[in-house]
Amino acid sequence: MPSTQFSLTTMYLIGLMGITIYRDHLLSVLLCLEGPMLSLFLFLAIWSLLINATSFTTSPMLLLAFSACEAGAGLALLVASTRTHGAATLNSLTALRW
């Protein structure tokens, strides 16, 4: 189990590092955000199997559904920002700054 925990923790941290490194383009940030969400999904799924909690088995599926909704909302924001500003880079979105 320690190798699984190490792999999932590494996957989570690489996703967070990707968000900080590739923060210029919105699509890169969205793709890097999926890494930590999928690692959390895998961690919850493995954890619920290890403790044999049948009432907790729906929690990973709920997290996966929220991750899909987040991805859909992010892609909708990407399309909207591309249509209004002409580019999907986060530097060109000056409407969000006050």
PDB file of N, CA and C in Angstrom:
ATOM      1  N   MET A   1       0.796  -1.216   0.000  1.00  0.00           N
ATOM      2  CA  MET A   1       0.000   0.000   0.000  1.00  0.00           C
ATOM      3  C   MET A   1       0.835   1.276   0.000  1.00  0.00           C
ATOM      4  N   PRO A   2       2.011   1.293   0.619  1.00  0.00           N
ATOM      5  CA  PRO A   2       2.787   2.542   0.583  1.00  0.00           C
ATOM      6  C   PRO A   2       3.157   2.981  -0.830  1.00  0.00           C
ATOM      7  N   SER A   3       3.385   2.046  -1.751  1.00  0.00           N
ATOM      8  CA  SER A   3       3.701   2.453  -3.121  1.00  0.00           C
ATOM      9  C   SER A   3       2.487   3.079  -3.800  1.00  0.00           C
ATOM     10  N   THR A   4       1.308   2.600  -3.470  1.00  0.00           N
ATOM     11  CA  THR A   4       0.091   3.197  -4.027  1.00  0.00           C
ATOM     12  C   THR A   4      -0.112   4.601  -3.474  1.00  0.00           C
ATOM     13  N   GLN A   5       0.088   4.772  -2.190  1.00  0.00           N
ATOM     14  CA  GLN A   5      -0.039   6.102  -1.599  1.00  0.00           C
ATOM     15  C   GLN A   5       1.004   7.050  -2.169  1.00  0.00           C
ATOM     16  N   PHE A   6       2.213   6.557  -2.354  1.00  0.00           N
ATOM     17  CA  PHE A   6       3.267   7.393  -2.943  1.00  0.00           C
ATOM     18  C   PHE A   6       2.901   7.793  -4.365  1.00  0.00           C
ATOM     19  N   SER A   7       2.374   6.870  -5.141  1.00  0.00           N
ATOM     20  CA  SER A   7       2.000   7.163  -6.528  1.00  0.00           C
ATOM     21  C   SER A   7       0.877   8.196  -6.589  1.00  0.00           C
ATOM     22  N   LEU A   8      -0.126   8.030  -5.745  1.00  0.00           N
ATOM     23  CA  LEU A   8      -1.248   8.972  -5.754  1.00  0.00           C
ATOM     24  C   LEU A   8      -0.834  10.342  -5.235  1.00  0.00           C
ATOM     25  N   THR A   9       0.018  10.370  -4.222  1.00  0.00           N
ATOM     26  CA  THR A   9       0.509  11.652  -3.716  1.00  0.00           C
ATOM     27  C   THR A   9       1.371  12.350  -4.754  1.00  0.00           C
ATOM     28  N   THR A  10       2.200  11.588  -5.445  1.00  0.00           N
ATOM     29  CA  THR A  10       3.021  12.160  -6.501  1.00  0.00           C
ATOM     30  C   THR A  10       2.156  12.681  -7.645  1.00  0.00           C
ATOM     31  N   MET A  11       1.119  11.944  -7.994  1.00  0.00           N
ATOM     32  CA  MET A  11       0.202  12.383  -9.050  1.00  0.00           C
ATOM     33  C   MET A  11      -0.505  13.681  -8.653  1.00  0.00           C
ATOM     34  N   TYR A  12      -0.904  13.775  -7.399  1.00  0.00           N
ATOM     35  CA  TYR A  12      -1.565  14.977  -6.901  1.00  0.00           C
ATOM     36  C   TYR A  12      -0.614  16.177  -6.940  1.00  0.00           C
ATOM     37  N   LEU A  13       0.605  15.979  -6.468  1.00  0.00           N
ATOM     38  CA  LEU A  13       1.567  17.080  -6.418  1.00  0.00           C
ATOM     39  C   LEU A  13       2.028  17.507  -7.813  1.00  0.00           C
ATOM     40  N   ILE A  14       2.156  16.562  -8.735  1.00  0.00           N
ATOM     41  CA  ILE A  14       2.519  16.927 -10.102  1.00  0.00           C
ATOM     42  C   ILE A  14       1.404  17.742 -10.751  1.00  0.00           C
ATOM     43  N   GLY A  15       0.154  17.398 -10.458  1.00  0.00           N
ATOM     44  CA  GLY A  15      -0.962  18.190 -10.972  1.00  0.00           C
ATOM     45  C   GLY A  15      -0.965  19.599 -10.421  1.00  0.00           C
ATOM     46  N   LEU A  16      -0.675  19.741  -9.125  1.00  0.00           N
ATOM     47  CA  LEU A  16      -0.611  21.080  -8.535  1.00  0.00           C
ATOM     48  C   LEU A  16       0.569  21.876  -9.075  1.00  0.00           C
ATOM     49  N   MET A  17       1.696  21.206  -9.286  1.00  0.00           N
ATOM     50  CA  MET A  17       2.844  21.897  -9.882  1.00  0.00           C
ATOM     51  C   MET A  17       2.537  22.310 -11.316  1.00  0.00           C
ATOM     52  N   GLY A  18       1.799  21.493 -12.033  1.00  0.00           N
ATOM     53  CA  GLY A  18       1.411  21.849 -13.395  1.00  0.00           C
ATOM     54  C   GLY A  18       0.519  23.068 -13.437  1.00  0.00           C
ATOM     55  N   ILE A  19      -0.350  23.202 -12.440  1.00  0.00           N
ATOM     56  CA  ILE A  19      -1.211  24.389 -12.379  1.00  0.00           C
ATOM     57  C   ILE A  19      -0.375  25.645 -12.176  1.00  0.00           C
ATOM     58  N   THR A  20       0.641  25.566 -11.320  1.00  0.00           N
ATOM     59  CA  THR A  20       1.464  26.748 -11.068  1.00  0.00           C
ATOM     60  C   THR A  20       2.415  27.049 -12.223  1.00  0.00           C
ATOM     61  N   ILE A  21       2.878  26.016 -12.931  1.00  0.00           N
ATOM     62  CA  ILE A  21       3.828  26.244 -14.019  1.00  0.00           C
ATOM     63  C   ILE A  21       3.117  26.674 -15.298  1.00  0.00           C
ATOM     64  N   TYR A  22       2.038  25.999 -15.673  1.00  0.00           N
ATOM     65  CA  TYR A  22       1.346  26.264 -16.932  1.00  0.00           C
ATOM     66  C   TYR A  22       0.096  27.107 -16.709  1.00  0.00           C
ATOM     67  N   ARG A  23       0.219  28.221 -16.036  1.00  0.00           N
ATOM     68  CA  ARG A  23      -0.948  29.031 -15.739  1.00  0.00           C
ATOM     69  C   ARG A  23      -1.214  30.123 -16.770  1.00  0.00           C
ATOM     70  N   ASP A  24      -0.521  30.079 -17.900  1.00  0.00           N
ATOM     71  CA  ASP A  24      -0.738  31.091 -18.930  1.00  0.00           C
ATOM     72  C   ASP A  24      -1.969  30.805 -19.770  1.00  0.00           C
ATOM     73  N   HIS A  25      -2.253  29.561 -20.032  1.00  0.00           N
ATOM     74  CA  HIS A  25      -3.353  29.186 -20.904  1.00  0.00           C
ATOM     75  C   HIS A  25      -4.432  28.470 -20.100  1.00  0.00           C
ATOM     76  N   LEU A  26      -5.671  28.799 -20.340  1.00  0.00           N
ATOM     77  CA  LEU A  26      -6.778  28.258 -19.555  1.00  0.00           C
ATOM     78  C   LEU A  26      -6.936  26.756 -19.756  1.00  0.00           C
ATOM     79  N   LEU A  27      -6.734  26.273 -20.960  1.00  0.00           N
ATOM     80  CA  LEU A  27      -6.879  24.839 -21.207  1.00  0.00           C
ATOM     81  C   LEU A  27      -5.808  24.035 -20.482  1.00  0.00           C
ATOM     82  N   SER A  28      -4.602  24.561 -20.397  1.00  0.00           N
ATOM     83  CA  SER A  28      -3.536  23.882 -19.648  1.00  0.00           C
ATOM     84  C   SER A  28      -3.867  23.796 -18.168  1.00  0.00           C
ATOM     85  N   VAL A  29      -4.434  24.856 -17.625  1.00  0.00           N
ATOM     86  CA  VAL A  29      -4.820  24.851 -16.213  1.00  0.00           C
ATOM     87  C   VAL A  29      -5.939  23.846 -15.974  1.00  0.00           C
ATOM     88  N   LEU A  30      -6.886  23.777 -16.874  1.00  0.00           N
ATOM     89  CA  LEU A  30      -7.986  22.819 -16.720  1.00  0.00           C
ATOM     90  C   LEU A  30      -7.499  21.381 -16.801  1.00  0.00           C
ATOM     91  N   LEU A  31      -6.574  21.117 -17.713  1.00  0.00           N
ATOM     92  CA  LEU A  31      -6.025  19.767 -17.824  1.00  0.00           C
ATOM     93  C   LEU A  31      -5.192  19.403 -16.601  1.00  0.00           C
ATOM     94  N   CYS A  32      -4.440  20.357 -16.073  1.00  0.00           N
ATOM     95  CA  CYS A  32      -3.657  20.087 -14.869  1.00  0.00           C
ATOM     96  C   CYS A  32      -4.551  19.957 -13.644  1.00  0.00           C
ATOM     97  N   LEU A  33      -5.722  20.546 -13.662  1.00  0.00           N
ATOM     98  CA  LEU A  33      -6.651  20.405 -12.547  1.00  0.00           C
ATOM     99  C   LEU A  33      -7.297  19.032 -12.518  1.00  0.00           C
ATOM    100  N   GLU A  34      -7.358  18.374 -13.661  1.00  0.00           N
ATOM    101  CA  GLU A  34      -7.936  17.033 -13.704  1.00  0.00           C
ATOM    102  C   GLU A  34      -7.036  15.992 -13.033  1.00  0.00           C
ATOM    103  N   GLY A  35      -5.732  16.223 -13.032  1.00  0.00           N
ATOM    104  CA  GLY A  35      -4.809  15.286 -12.388  1.00  0.00           C
ATOM    105  C   GLY A  35      -5.063  15.116 -10.903  1.00  0.00           C
ATOM    106  N   PRO A  36      -5.107  16.209 -10.127  1.00  0.00           N
ATOM    107  CA  PRO A  36      -5.420  16.047  -8.706  1.00  0.00           C
ATOM    108  C   PRO A  36      -6.817  15.487  -8.443  1.00  0.00           C
ATOM    109  N   MET A  37      -7.773  15.840  -9.292  1.00  0.00           N
ATOM    110  CA  MET A  37      -9.120  15.303  -9.081  1.00  0.00           C
ATOM    111  C   MET A  37      -9.153  13.795  -9.318  1.00  0.00           C
ATOM    112  N   LEU A  38      -8.462  13.328 -10.340  1.00  0.00           N
ATOM    113  CA  LEU A  38      -8.431  11.889 -10.598  1.00  0.00           C
ATOM    114  C   LEU A  38      -7.631  11.139  -9.536  1.00  0.00           C
ATOM    115  N   SER A  39      -6.583  11.762  -9.010  1.00  0.00           N
ATOM    116  CA  SER A  39      -5.837  11.098  -7.938  1.00  0.00           C
ATOM    117  C   SER A  39      -6.681  11.020  -6.667  1.00  0.00           C
ATOM    118  N   LEU A  40      -7.470  12.049  -6.391  1.00  0.00           N
ATOM    119  CA  LEU A  40      -8.379  11.979  -5.240  1.00  0.00           C
ATOM    120  C   LEU A  40      -9.454  10.919  -5.449  1.00  0.00           C
ATOM    121  N   PHE A  41      -9.939  10.789  -6.680  1.00  0.00           N
ATOM    122  CA  PHE A  41     -10.917   9.752  -6.984  1.00  0.00           C
ATOM    123  C   PHE A  41     -10.334   8.368  -6.746  1.00  0.00           C
ATOM    124  N   LEU A  42      -9.128   8.141  -7.245  1.00  0.00           N
ATOM    125  CA  LEU A  42      -8.490   6.838  -7.047  1.00  0.00           C
ATOM    126  C   LEU A  42      -8.206   6.574  -5.576  1.00  0.00           C
ATOM    127  N   PHE A  43      -7.778   7.602  -4.846  1.00  0.00           N
ATOM    128  CA  PHE A  43      -7.504   7.429  -3.423  1.00  0.00           C
ATOM    129  C   PHE A  43      -8.778   7.070  -2.666  1.00  0.00           C
ATOM    130  N   LEU A  44      -9.867   7.746  -2.948  1.00  0.00           N
ATOM    131  CA  LEU A  44     -11.127   7.430  -2.263  1.00  0.00           C
ATOM    132  C   LEU A  44     -11.643   6.049  -2.628  1.00  0.00           C
ATOM    133  N   ALA A  45     -11.478   5.658  -3.888  1.00  0.00           N
ATOM    134  CA  ALA A  45     -11.934   4.333  -4.308  1.00  0.00           C
ATOM    135  C   ALA A  45     -11.124   3.231  -3.639  1.00  0.00           C
ATOM    136  N   ILE A  46      -9.808   3.391  -3.598  1.00  0.00           N
ATOM    137  CA  ILE A  46      -8.958   2.381  -2.963  1.00  0.00           C
ATOM    138  C   ILE A  46      -9.192   2.357  -1.465  1.00  0.00           C
ATOM    139  N   TRP A  47      -9.365   3.524  -0.867  1.00  0.00           N
ATOM    140  CA  TRP A  47      -9.587   3.595   0.583  1.00  0.00           C
ATOM    141  C   TRP A  47     -10.909   2.939   0.980  1.00  0.00           C
ATOM    142  N   SER A  48     -11.950   3.142   0.188  1.00  0.00           N
ATOM    143  CA  SER A  48     -13.236   2.520   0.522  1.00  0.00           C
ATOM    144  C   SER A  48     -13.182   1.005   0.342  1.00  0.00           C
ATOM    145  N   LEU A  49     -12.348   0.538  -0.589  1.00  0.00           N
ATOM    146  CA  LEU A  49     -12.171  -0.906  -0.736  1.00  0.00           C
ATOM    147  C   LEU A  49     -11.367  -1.501   0.422  1.00  0.00           C
ATOM    148  N   LEU A  50     -10.393  -0.753   0.906  1.00  0.00           N
ATOM    149  CA  LEU A  50      -9.545  -1.268   1.975  1.00  0.00           C
ATOM    150  C   LEU A  50     -10.276  -1.366   3.311  1.00  0.00           C
ATOM    151  N   ILE A  51     -11.142  -0.409   3.600  1.00  0.00           N
ATOM    152  CA  ILE A  51     -11.830  -0.450   4.898  1.00  0.00           C
ATOM    153  C   ILE A  51     -13.155  -1.195   4.822  1.00  0.00           C
ATOM    154  N   ASN A  52     -13.506  -1.696   3.657  1.00  0.00           N
ATOM    155  CA  ASN A  52     -14.743  -2.468   3.450  1.00  0.00           C
ATOM    156  C   ASN A  52     -15.994  -1.707   3.896  1.00  0.00           C
ATOM    157  N   ALA A  53     -16.034  -0.441   3.561  1.00  0.00           N
ATOM    158  CA  ALA A  53     -17.183   0.389   3.903  1.00  0.00           C
ATOM    159  C   ALA A  53     -18.131   0.424   2.708  1.00  0.00           C
ATOM    160  N   THR A  54     -19.216  -0.315   2.790  1.00  0.00           N
ATOM    161  CA  THR A  54     -20.155  -0.348   1.667  1.00  0.00           C
ATOM    162  C   THR A  54     -20.970   0.935   1.573  1.00  0.00           C
ATOM    163  N   SER A  55     -21.135   1.643   2.692  1.00  0.00           N
ATOM    164  CA  SER A  55     -21.891   2.891   2.637  1.00  0.00           C
ATOM    165  C   SER A  55     -21.057   4.032   2.057  1.00  0.00           C
ATOM    166  N   PHE A  56     -19.756   3.856   1.977  1.00  0.00           N
ATOM    167  CA  PHE A  56     -18.866   4.909   1.480  1.00  0.00           C
ATOM    168  C   PHE A  56     -18.494   4.723   0.017  1.00  0.00           C
ATOM    169  N   THR A  57     -18.995   3.692  -0.633  1.00  0.00           N
ATOM    170  CA  THR A  57     -18.578   3.399  -2.004  1.00  0.00           C
ATOM    171  C   THR A  57     -19.145   4.381  -3.024  1.00  0.00           C
ATOM    172  N   THR A  58     -20.179   5.114  -2.683  1.00  0.00           N
ATOM    173  CA  THR A  58     -20.725   6.087  -3.631  1.00  0.00           C
ATOM    174  C   THR A  58     -19.950   7.395  -3.633  1.00  0.00           C
ATOM    175  N   SER A  59     -19.138   7.626  -2.639  1.00  0.00           N
ATOM    176  CA  SER A  59     -18.396   8.880  -2.546  1.00  0.00           C
ATOM    177  C   SER A  59     -17.413   9.090  -3.703  1.00  0.00           C
ATOM    178  N   PRO A  60     -16.642   8.098  -4.124  1.00  0.00           N
ATOM    179  CA  PRO A  60     -15.778   8.333  -5.297  1.00  0.00           C
ATOM    180  C   PRO A  60     -16.563   8.656  -6.565  1.00  0.00           C
ATOM    181  N   MET A  61     -17.718   8.047  -6.734  1.00  0.00           N
ATOM    182  CA  MET A  61     -18.523   8.345  -7.922  1.00  0.00           C
ATOM    183  C   MET A  61     -19.074   9.765  -7.872  1.00  0.00           C
ATOM    184  N   LEU A  62     -19.390  10.242  -6.674  1.00  0.00           N
ATOM    185  CA  LEU A  62     -19.848  11.620  -6.512  1.00  0.00           C
ATOM    186  C   LEU A  62     -18.729  12.588  -6.860  1.00  0.00           C
ATOM    187  N   LEU A  63     -17.509  12.285  -6.416  1.00  0.00           N
ATOM    188  CA  LEU A  63     -16.358  13.126  -6.739  1.00  0.00           C
ATOM    189  C   LEU A  63     -16.097  13.126  -8.240  1.00  0.00           C
ATOM    190  N   LEU A  64     -16.251  11.991  -8.878  1.00  0.00           N
ATOM    191  CA  LEU A  64     -16.058  11.911 -10.321  1.00  0.00           C
ATOM    192  C   LEU A  64     -17.128  12.709 -11.065  1.00  0.00           C
ATOM    193  N   ALA A  65     -18.356  12.700 -10.564  1.00  0.00           N
ATOM    194  CA  ALA A  65     -19.421  13.488 -11.182  1.00  0.00           C
ATOM    195  C   ALA A  65     -19.155  14.985 -11.030  1.00  0.00           C
ATOM    196  N   PHE A  66     -18.692  15.401  -9.846  1.00  0.00           N
ATOM    197  CA  PHE A  66     -18.356  16.813  -9.647  1.00  0.00           C
ATOM    198  C   PHE A  66     -17.169  17.226 -10.516  1.00  0.00           C
ATOM    199  N   SER A  67     -16.230  16.312 -10.716  1.00  0.00           N
ATOM    200  CA  SER A  67     -15.086  16.601 -11.578  1.00  0.00           C
ATOM    201  C   SER A  67     -15.533  16.781 -13.023  1.00  0.00           C
ATOM    202  N   ALA A  68     -16.478  15.979 -13.464  1.00  0.00           N
ATOM    203  CA  ALA A  68     -17.000  16.127 -14.827  1.00  0.00           C
ATOM    204  C   ALA A  68     -17.758  17.443 -14.979  1.00  0.00           C
ATOM    205  N   CYS A  69     -18.509  17.831 -13.955  1.00  0.00           N
ATOM    206  CA  CYS A  69     -19.217  19.119 -14.002  1.00  0.00           C
ATOM    207  C   CYS A  69     -18.233  20.281 -14.018  1.00  0.00           C
ATOM    208  N   GLU A  70     -17.154  20.154 -13.260  1.00  0.00           N
ATOM    209  CA  GLU A  70     -16.119  21.189 -13.241  1.00  0.00           C
ATOM    210  C   GLU A  70     -15.447  21.302 -14.591  1.00  0.00           C
ATOM    211  N   ALA A  71     -15.201  20.180 -15.225  1.00  0.00           N
ATOM    212  CA  ALA A  71     -14.578  20.203 -16.555  1.00  0.00           C
ATOM    213  C   ALA A  71     -15.524  20.828 -17.582  1.00  0.00           C
ATOM    214  N   GLY A  72     -16.798  20.515 -17.493  1.00  0.00           N
ATOM    215  CA  GLY A  72     -17.766  21.112 -18.408  1.00  0.00           C
ATOM    216  C   GLY A  72     -17.883  22.612 -18.223  1.00  0.00           C
ATOM    217  N   ALA A  73     -17.899  23.063 -16.968  1.00  0.00           N
ATOM    218  CA  ALA A  73     -17.969  24.505 -16.700  1.00  0.00           C
ATOM    219  C   ALA A  73     -16.690  25.203 -17.147  1.00  0.00           C
ATOM    220  N   GLY A  74     -15.554  24.547 -16.954  1.00  0.00           N
ATOM    221  CA  GLY A  74     -14.293  25.133 -17.397  1.00  0.00           C
ATOM    222  C   GLY A  74     -14.208  25.252 -18.903  1.00  0.00           C
ATOM    223  N   LEU A  75     -14.676  24.244 -19.611  1.00  0.00           N
ATOM    224  CA  LEU A  75     -14.661  24.325 -21.073  1.00  0.00           C
ATOM    225  C   LEU A  75     -15.652  25.367 -21.585  1.00  0.00           C
ATOM    226  N   ALA A  76     -16.771  25.525 -20.887  1.00  0.00           N
ATOM    227  CA  ALA A  76     -17.714  26.582 -21.267  1.00  0.00           C
ATOM    228  C   ALA A  76     -17.089  27.962 -21.060  1.00  0.00           C
ATOM    229  N   LEU A  77     -16.334  28.131 -19.973  1.00  0.00           N
ATOM    230  CA  LEU A  77     -15.625  29.394 -19.757  1.00  0.00           C
ATOM    231  C   LEU A  77     -14.544  29.613 -20.816  1.00  0.00           C
ATOM    232  N   LEU A  78     -13.901  28.536 -21.229  1.00  0.00           N
ATOM    233  CA  LEU A  78     -12.889  28.636 -22.274  1.00  0.00           C
ATOM    234  C   LEU A  78     -13.501  29.110 -23.586  1.00  0.00           C
ATOM    235  N   VAL A  79     -14.636  28.544 -23.963  1.00  0.00           N
ATOM    236  CA  VAL A  79     -15.309  28.947 -25.198  1.00  0.00           C
ATOM    237  C   VAL A  79     -15.807  30.387 -25.090  1.00  0.00           C
ATOM    238  N   ALA A  80     -16.367  30.751 -23.937  1.00  0.00           N
ATOM    239  CA  ALA A  80     -16.877  32.114 -23.765  1.00  0.00           C
ATOM    240  C   ALA A  80     -15.749  33.144 -23.796  1.00  0.00           C
ATOM    241  N   SER A  81     -14.636  32.835 -23.149  1.00  0.00           N
ATOM    242  CA  SER A  81     -13.520  33.794 -23.160  1.00  0.00           C
ATOM    243  C   SER A  81     -12.879  33.892 -24.532  1.00  0.00           C
ATOM    244  N   THR A  82     -12.861  32.808 -25.280  1.00  0.00           N
ATOM    245  CA  THR A  82     -12.305  32.854 -26.631  1.00  0.00           C
ATOM    246  C   THR A  82     -13.199  33.676 -27.549  1.00  0.00           C
ATOM    247  N   ARG A  83     -14.490  33.550 -27.364  1.00  0.00           N
ATOM    248  CA  ARG A  83     -15.409  34.327 -28.210  1.00  0.00           C
ATOM    249  C   ARG A  83     -15.387  35.805 -27.872  1.00  0.00           C
ATOM    250  N   THR A  84     -15.290  36.137 -26.597  1.00  0.00           N
ATOM    251  CA  THR A  84     -15.357  37.551 -26.225  1.00  0.00           C
ATOM    252  C   THR A  84     -14.016  38.259 -26.347  1.00  0.00           C
ATOM    253  N   HIS A  85     -12.919  37.590 -25.980  1.00  0.00           N
ATOM    254  CA  HIS A  85     -11.616  38.241 -25.974  1.00  0.00           C
ATOM    255  C   HIS A  85     -10.731  37.848 -27.147  1.00  0.00           C
ATOM    256  N   GLY A  86     -11.108  36.838 -27.881  1.00  0.00           N
ATOM    257  CA  GLY A  86     -10.330  36.422 -29.035  1.00  0.00           C
ATOM    258  C   GLY A  86      -9.163  35.514 -28.713  1.00  0.00           C
ATOM    259  N   ALA A  87      -8.883  35.294 -27.450  1.00  0.00           N
ATOM    260  CA  ALA A  87      -7.776  34.414 -27.062  1.00  0.00           C
ATOM    261  C   ALA A  87      -8.153  33.711 -25.768  1.00  0.00           C
ATOM    262  N   ALA A  88      -7.530  32.577 -25.546  1.00  0.00           N
ATOM    263  CA  ALA A  88      -7.828  31.807 -24.338  1.00  0.00           C
ATOM    264  C   ALA A  88      -6.721  31.910 -23.303  1.00  0.00           C
ATOM    265  N   THR A  89      -5.781  32.838 -23.504  1.00  0.00           N
ATOM    266  CA  THR A  89      -4.733  33.005 -22.506  1.00  0.00           C
ATOM    267  C   THR A  89      -5.286  33.769 -21.315  1.00  0.00           C
ATOM    268  N   LEU A  90      -4.800  33.427 -20.149  1.00  0.00           N
ATOM    269  CA  LEU A  90      -5.311  34.075 -18.946  1.00  0.00           C
ATOM    270  C   LEU A  90      -4.810  35.505 -18.799  1.00  0.00           C
ATOM    271  N   ASN A  91      -3.735  35.852 -19.489  1.00  0.00           N
ATOM    272  CA  ASN A  91      -3.233  37.219 -19.434  1.00  0.00           C
ATOM    273  C   ASN A  91      -4.137  38.198 -20.171  1.00  0.00           C
ATOM    274  N   SER A  92      -4.887  37.709 -21.142  1.00  0.00           N
ATOM    275  CA  SER A  92      -5.763  38.598 -21.912  1.00  0.00           C
ATOM    276  C   SER A  92      -7.108  38.822 -21.252  1.00  0.00           C
ATOM    277  N   LEU A  93      -7.381  38.121 -20.174  1.00  0.00           N
ATOM    278  CA  LEU A  93      -8.664  38.291 -19.494  1.00  0.00           C
ATOM    279  C   LEU A  93      -8.578  39.414 -18.467  1.00  0.00           C
ATOM    280  N   THR A  94      -8.604  40.637 -18.947  1.00  0.00           N
ATOM    281  CA  THR A  94      -8.517  41.783 -18.051  1.00  0.00           C
ATOM    282  C   THR A  94      -9.858  42.124 -17.442  1.00  0.00           C
ATOM    283  N   ALA A  95     -10.935  41.509 -17.931  1.00  0.00           N
ATOM    284  CA  ALA A  95     -12.259  41.780 -17.379  1.00  0.00           C
ATOM    285  C   ALA A  95     -12.395  41.195 -15.975  1.00  0.00           C
ATOM    286  N   LEU A  96     -11.570  40.220 -15.626  1.00  0.00           N
ATOM    287  CA  LEU A  96     -11.638  39.620 -14.305  1.00  0.00           C
ATOM    288  C   LEU A  96     -10.881  40.428 -13.262  1.00  0.00           C
ATOM    289  N   ARG A  97     -10.006  41.314 -13.698  1.00  0.00           N
ATOM    290  CA  ARG A  97      -9.234  42.146 -12.764  1.00  0.00           C
ATOM    291  C   ARG A  97      -9.994  43.437 -12.494  1.00  0.00           C
ATOM    292  N   TRP A  98      -9.900  43.909 -11.260  1.00  0.00           N
ATOM    293  CA  TRP A  98     -10.575  45.163 -10.897  1.00  0.00           C
ATOM    294  C   TRP A  98      -9.575  46.206 -10.506  1.00  0.00           C
TER     295      TRP A  98
END
